[in-house]
N, C-alpha and C. Protein backbone atom coordinates (compact mmCIF):
# COMPACT_ATOMS: atom_id res chain seq x y z
N MET A 1 59.69 109.65 137.60
CA MET A 1 60.08 108.71 136.58
C MET A 1 61.59 108.65 136.45
N ILE A 2 62.27 109.80 136.58
CA ILE A 2 63.72 109.84 136.44
C ILE A 2 64.40 109.09 137.59
N ALA A 3 63.80 109.09 138.74
CA ALA A 3 64.40 108.40 139.89
C ALA A 3 64.44 106.89 139.67
N LEU A 4 63.60 106.37 138.81
CA LEU A 4 63.56 104.94 138.56
C LEU A 4 64.64 104.47 137.58
N ILE A 5 65.22 105.41 136.80
CA ILE A 5 66.25 105.05 135.81
C ILE A 5 67.62 105.20 136.46
N SER A 6 68.38 104.15 136.47
CA SER A 6 69.71 104.23 137.07
C SER A 6 70.72 104.75 136.05
N PRO A 7 71.67 105.58 136.50
CA PRO A 7 72.67 106.12 135.57
C PRO A 7 73.59 105.02 135.06
N ALA A 8 74.05 105.15 133.83
CA ALA A 8 74.97 104.19 133.22
C ALA A 8 76.36 104.78 133.25
N TYR A 9 77.32 104.02 133.70
CA TYR A 9 78.70 104.47 133.78
C TYR A 9 79.55 103.61 132.85
N ALA A 10 80.54 104.24 132.20
CA ALA A 10 81.46 103.50 131.33
C ALA A 10 82.48 102.79 132.19
N GLU A 11 82.85 101.61 131.78
CA GLU A 11 83.85 100.84 132.52
C GLU A 11 85.24 101.25 132.12
N GLY A 12 86.02 101.75 133.03
CA GLY A 12 87.44 102.03 132.81
C GLY A 12 87.74 103.07 131.74
N GLY A 13 86.79 103.83 131.35
CA GLY A 13 87.02 104.85 130.32
C GLY A 13 87.61 106.10 130.94
N ALA A 14 88.66 106.63 130.33
CA ALA A 14 89.27 107.87 130.79
C ALA A 14 88.57 109.04 130.11
N PRO A 15 88.40 110.16 130.81
CA PRO A 15 87.76 111.31 130.17
C PRO A 15 88.62 111.84 129.01
N ALA A 16 87.98 112.27 127.96
CA ALA A 16 88.69 112.79 126.79
C ALA A 16 89.35 114.12 127.13
N ASP A 17 90.53 114.36 126.58
CA ASP A 17 91.27 115.61 126.81
C ASP A 17 90.72 116.67 125.86
N ALA A 18 90.19 117.74 126.42
CA ALA A 18 89.58 118.80 125.61
C ALA A 18 90.53 119.97 125.41
N GLY A 19 91.80 119.82 125.71
CA GLY A 19 92.76 120.92 125.59
C GLY A 19 92.91 121.44 124.17
N ILE A 20 93.03 120.56 123.20
CA ILE A 20 93.19 120.96 121.80
C ILE A 20 91.91 121.63 121.31
N PHE A 21 90.77 121.07 121.67
CA PHE A 21 89.50 121.67 121.25
C PHE A 21 89.37 123.09 121.79
N ASN A 22 89.76 123.30 123.04
CA ASN A 22 89.68 124.63 123.63
C ASN A 22 90.60 125.62 122.91
N LEU A 23 91.78 125.18 122.52
CA LEU A 23 92.70 126.06 121.78
C LEU A 23 92.14 126.42 120.41
N VAL A 24 91.56 125.45 119.73
CA VAL A 24 90.96 125.71 118.42
C VAL A 24 89.78 126.67 118.56
N LEU A 25 88.97 126.47 119.57
CA LEU A 25 87.84 127.36 119.83
C LEU A 25 88.31 128.78 120.12
N LEU A 26 89.34 128.93 120.93
CA LEU A 26 89.89 130.25 121.25
C LEU A 26 90.45 130.91 120.00
N ALA A 27 91.18 130.15 119.18
CA ALA A 27 91.72 130.70 117.94
C ALA A 27 90.59 131.13 117.00
N GLY A 28 89.52 130.36 116.97
CA GLY A 28 88.36 130.73 116.15
C GLY A 28 87.75 132.05 116.59
N PHE A 29 87.63 132.24 117.90
CA PHE A 29 87.10 133.50 118.42
C PHE A 29 88.01 134.67 118.07
N VAL A 30 89.31 134.47 118.14
CA VAL A 30 90.25 135.54 117.80
C VAL A 30 90.11 135.91 116.33
N VAL A 31 89.99 134.93 115.44
CA VAL A 31 89.84 135.20 114.01
C VAL A 31 88.52 135.93 113.74
N ILE A 32 87.44 135.49 114.37
CA ILE A 32 86.16 136.16 114.20
C ILE A 32 86.23 137.60 114.71
N PHE A 33 86.83 137.80 115.86
CA PHE A 33 86.98 139.15 116.42
C PHE A 33 87.77 140.04 115.47
N TYR A 34 88.83 139.50 114.88
CA TYR A 34 89.68 140.28 113.97
C TYR A 34 88.89 140.71 112.74
N PHE A 35 88.20 139.77 112.08
CA PHE A 35 87.53 140.09 110.83
C PHE A 35 86.23 140.87 111.01
N LEU A 36 85.54 140.71 112.12
CA LEU A 36 84.27 141.39 112.30
C LEU A 36 84.36 142.71 113.07
N MET A 37 85.41 142.90 113.85
CA MET A 37 85.47 144.11 114.67
C MET A 37 86.71 144.95 114.42
N TRP A 38 87.88 144.38 114.57
CA TRP A 38 89.10 145.18 114.55
C TRP A 38 89.43 145.67 113.15
N ARG A 39 89.38 144.81 112.15
CA ARG A 39 89.76 145.18 110.79
C ARG A 39 88.86 146.27 110.20
N PRO A 40 87.52 146.16 110.28
CA PRO A 40 86.68 147.24 109.75
C PRO A 40 86.88 148.57 110.48
N GLN A 41 87.11 148.51 111.79
CA GLN A 41 87.33 149.75 112.55
C GLN A 41 88.63 150.41 112.13
N ALA A 42 89.67 149.62 111.92
CA ALA A 42 90.94 150.18 111.47
C ALA A 42 90.81 150.78 110.07
N LYS A 43 90.02 150.16 109.22
CA LYS A 43 89.78 150.69 107.87
C LYS A 43 89.06 152.03 107.93
N ARG A 44 88.02 152.13 108.78
CA ARG A 44 87.30 153.40 108.93
C ARG A 44 88.22 154.48 109.48
N ALA A 45 89.06 154.14 110.44
CA ALA A 45 89.97 155.13 111.02
C ALA A 45 90.97 155.63 109.97
N LYS A 46 91.45 154.74 109.12
CA LYS A 46 92.39 155.13 108.07
C LYS A 46 91.71 156.05 107.05
N GLU A 47 90.48 155.72 106.67
CA GLU A 47 89.73 156.57 105.74
C GLU A 47 89.47 157.95 106.33
N HIS A 48 89.14 158.02 107.63
CA HIS A 48 88.89 159.31 108.27
C HIS A 48 90.17 160.13 108.36
N LYS A 49 91.28 159.48 108.62
CA LYS A 49 92.57 160.18 108.67
C LYS A 49 92.90 160.77 107.30
N ASN A 50 92.66 160.02 106.22
CA ASN A 50 92.89 160.54 104.87
C ASN A 50 91.95 161.69 104.55
N LEU A 51 90.69 161.60 105.02
CA LEU A 51 89.73 162.67 104.81
C LEU A 51 90.19 163.96 105.49
N ILE A 52 90.66 163.84 106.71
CA ILE A 52 91.14 165.01 107.46
C ILE A 52 92.36 165.62 106.78
N ALA A 53 93.25 164.79 106.27
CA ALA A 53 94.46 165.28 105.61
C ALA A 53 94.14 165.98 104.29
N SER A 54 93.02 165.61 103.66
CA SER A 54 92.70 166.18 102.35
C SER A 54 91.86 167.45 102.42
N LEU A 55 91.57 167.96 103.61
CA LEU A 55 90.77 169.18 103.73
C LEU A 55 91.52 170.37 103.15
N ALA A 56 90.83 171.15 102.35
CA ALA A 56 91.42 172.34 101.75
C ALA A 56 90.35 173.43 101.69
N LYS A 57 90.79 174.64 101.43
CA LYS A 57 89.86 175.76 101.35
C LYS A 57 88.88 175.53 100.20
N GLY A 58 87.59 175.75 100.48
CA GLY A 58 86.56 175.58 99.47
C GLY A 58 85.86 174.23 99.50
N THR A 59 86.38 173.29 100.30
CA THR A 59 85.77 171.98 100.41
C THR A 59 84.48 172.09 101.22
N GLU A 60 83.42 171.45 100.75
CA GLU A 60 82.15 171.45 101.47
C GLU A 60 82.09 170.19 102.33
N VAL A 61 81.82 170.39 103.63
CA VAL A 61 81.87 169.28 104.58
C VAL A 61 80.66 169.29 105.51
N VAL A 62 80.48 168.16 106.20
CA VAL A 62 79.49 168.05 107.26
C VAL A 62 80.23 167.57 108.50
N THR A 63 79.92 168.15 109.65
CA THR A 63 80.57 167.76 110.90
C THR A 63 79.80 166.62 111.56
N GLY A 64 80.38 166.08 112.62
CA GLY A 64 79.72 165.03 113.37
C GLY A 64 78.42 165.49 114.01
N GLY A 65 78.30 166.77 114.28
CA GLY A 65 77.08 167.32 114.87
C GLY A 65 76.03 167.69 113.85
N GLY A 66 76.36 167.52 112.55
CA GLY A 66 75.39 167.80 111.50
C GLY A 66 75.46 169.19 110.91
N VAL A 67 76.50 169.96 111.24
CA VAL A 67 76.65 171.30 110.70
C VAL A 67 77.28 171.21 109.32
N LEU A 68 76.62 171.83 108.34
CA LEU A 68 77.13 171.87 106.97
C LEU A 68 77.84 173.19 106.75
N GLY A 69 78.96 173.14 106.04
CA GLY A 69 79.67 174.37 105.76
C GLY A 69 80.77 174.18 104.75
N LYS A 70 81.32 175.32 104.33
CA LYS A 70 82.41 175.35 103.37
C LYS A 70 83.67 175.76 104.13
N VAL A 71 84.75 175.03 103.91
CA VAL A 71 86.00 175.31 104.60
C VAL A 71 86.55 176.64 104.11
N SER A 72 86.81 177.57 105.05
CA SER A 72 87.39 178.85 104.69
C SER A 72 88.83 178.98 105.15
N LYS A 73 89.22 178.20 106.17
CA LYS A 73 90.61 178.23 106.64
C LYS A 73 90.93 176.90 107.31
N VAL A 74 92.13 176.38 107.04
CA VAL A 74 92.57 175.12 107.62
C VAL A 74 93.83 175.38 108.43
N ASP A 75 93.84 174.91 109.68
CA ASP A 75 94.98 175.03 110.58
C ASP A 75 95.48 173.61 110.87
N ASP A 76 96.49 173.48 111.72
CA ASP A 76 97.00 172.15 112.06
C ASP A 76 95.95 171.31 112.78
N ASN A 77 95.25 171.90 113.74
CA ASN A 77 94.26 171.15 114.53
C ASN A 77 92.83 171.60 114.31
N TYR A 78 92.64 172.75 113.70
CA TYR A 78 91.31 173.33 113.56
C TYR A 78 90.99 173.65 112.11
N VAL A 79 89.69 173.73 111.85
CA VAL A 79 89.19 174.12 110.54
C VAL A 79 88.09 175.16 110.78
N VAL A 80 88.07 176.20 109.96
CA VAL A 80 87.04 177.23 110.06
C VAL A 80 86.06 177.00 108.92
N LEU A 81 84.78 176.85 109.30
CA LEU A 81 83.73 176.62 108.31
C LEU A 81 82.86 177.85 108.17
N GLU A 82 82.53 178.18 106.94
CA GLU A 82 81.56 179.23 106.68
C GLU A 82 80.21 178.55 106.54
N VAL A 83 79.35 178.74 107.55
CA VAL A 83 78.07 178.04 107.59
C VAL A 83 76.95 178.87 106.96
N ALA A 84 77.13 180.16 106.87
CA ALA A 84 76.20 181.07 106.19
C ALA A 84 77.03 182.24 105.71
N GLU A 85 76.44 183.09 104.91
CA GLU A 85 77.19 184.23 104.39
C GLU A 85 77.62 185.14 105.54
N GLY A 86 78.91 185.25 105.75
CA GLY A 86 79.46 186.09 106.81
C GLY A 86 79.51 185.43 108.18
N VAL A 87 79.09 184.18 108.31
CA VAL A 87 79.11 183.47 109.59
C VAL A 87 80.12 182.34 109.51
N GLU A 88 81.16 182.43 110.35
CA GLU A 88 82.20 181.40 110.37
C GLU A 88 82.26 180.76 111.75
N MET A 89 82.48 179.46 111.77
CA MET A 89 82.60 178.72 113.02
C MET A 89 83.88 177.90 112.98
N LYS A 90 84.51 177.78 114.14
CA LYS A 90 85.77 177.04 114.26
C LYS A 90 85.50 175.66 114.86
N PHE A 91 86.01 174.61 114.21
CA PHE A 91 85.83 173.24 114.66
C PHE A 91 87.18 172.54 114.71
N GLN A 92 87.25 171.49 115.53
CA GLN A 92 88.41 170.62 115.48
C GLN A 92 88.34 169.82 114.19
N LYS A 93 89.49 169.52 113.62
CA LYS A 93 89.51 168.76 112.37
C LYS A 93 88.85 167.39 112.53
N SER A 94 89.02 166.79 113.69
CA SER A 94 88.48 165.44 113.90
C SER A 94 86.96 165.41 113.92
N SER A 95 86.31 166.58 114.06
CA SER A 95 84.85 166.60 114.08
C SER A 95 84.25 166.57 112.68
N VAL A 96 85.07 166.71 111.65
CA VAL A 96 84.57 166.64 110.28
C VAL A 96 84.25 165.18 109.98
N ALA A 97 82.99 164.91 109.60
CA ALA A 97 82.55 163.54 109.38
C ALA A 97 82.64 163.12 107.92
N ALA A 98 82.33 164.03 107.00
CA ALA A 98 82.31 163.65 105.59
C ALA A 98 82.50 164.86 104.71
N VAL A 99 82.99 164.62 103.52
CA VAL A 99 83.12 165.66 102.50
C VAL A 99 81.91 165.53 101.58
N LEU A 100 81.28 166.67 101.30
CA LEU A 100 80.11 166.69 100.43
C LEU A 100 80.53 166.92 98.98
N PRO A 101 79.72 166.50 98.03
CA PRO A 101 80.02 166.79 96.62
C PRO A 101 79.98 168.30 96.35
N LYS A 102 80.79 168.75 95.43
CA LYS A 102 80.82 170.18 95.08
C LYS A 102 79.44 170.63 94.62
N GLY A 103 79.04 171.82 95.07
CA GLY A 103 77.76 172.37 94.69
C GLY A 103 76.60 172.00 95.58
N THR A 104 76.86 171.25 96.65
CA THR A 104 75.79 170.87 97.57
C THR A 104 75.25 172.09 98.31
N LEU A 105 76.15 172.96 98.72
CA LEU A 105 75.75 174.16 99.46
C LEU A 105 75.71 175.34 98.49
N LYS A 106 74.55 175.64 97.99
CA LYS A 106 74.42 176.70 96.99
C LYS A 106 74.22 178.07 97.62
N SER A 107 73.75 178.13 98.88
CA SER A 107 73.44 179.41 99.49
C SER A 107 74.65 180.11 100.07
N ILE A 108 75.78 179.40 100.19
CA ILE A 108 76.96 180.04 100.79
C ILE A 108 77.82 180.62 99.70
């Protein structure tokens, strides 16, 4: 059926210039990328940096691996967590994922 329909061509029409449309589309993608990906990631990184800077002795934290403990010593790059009575483990500061509310760890 399609072979029976002849194509219609415009007389003397020049193709429309899509250069401006392409630039607007590219700018739109950049704005979407900024607001959906880069900005939230930068915000999370800033919050994590502030969390790491605020670590002090006695703070109860959870690491990225899920280890809960109380900070017993803070160094420039490392933090020592007391995970049980008399058991201390050394972690990199960057592995601390979150600070827990006071009193969460009652057994330590």
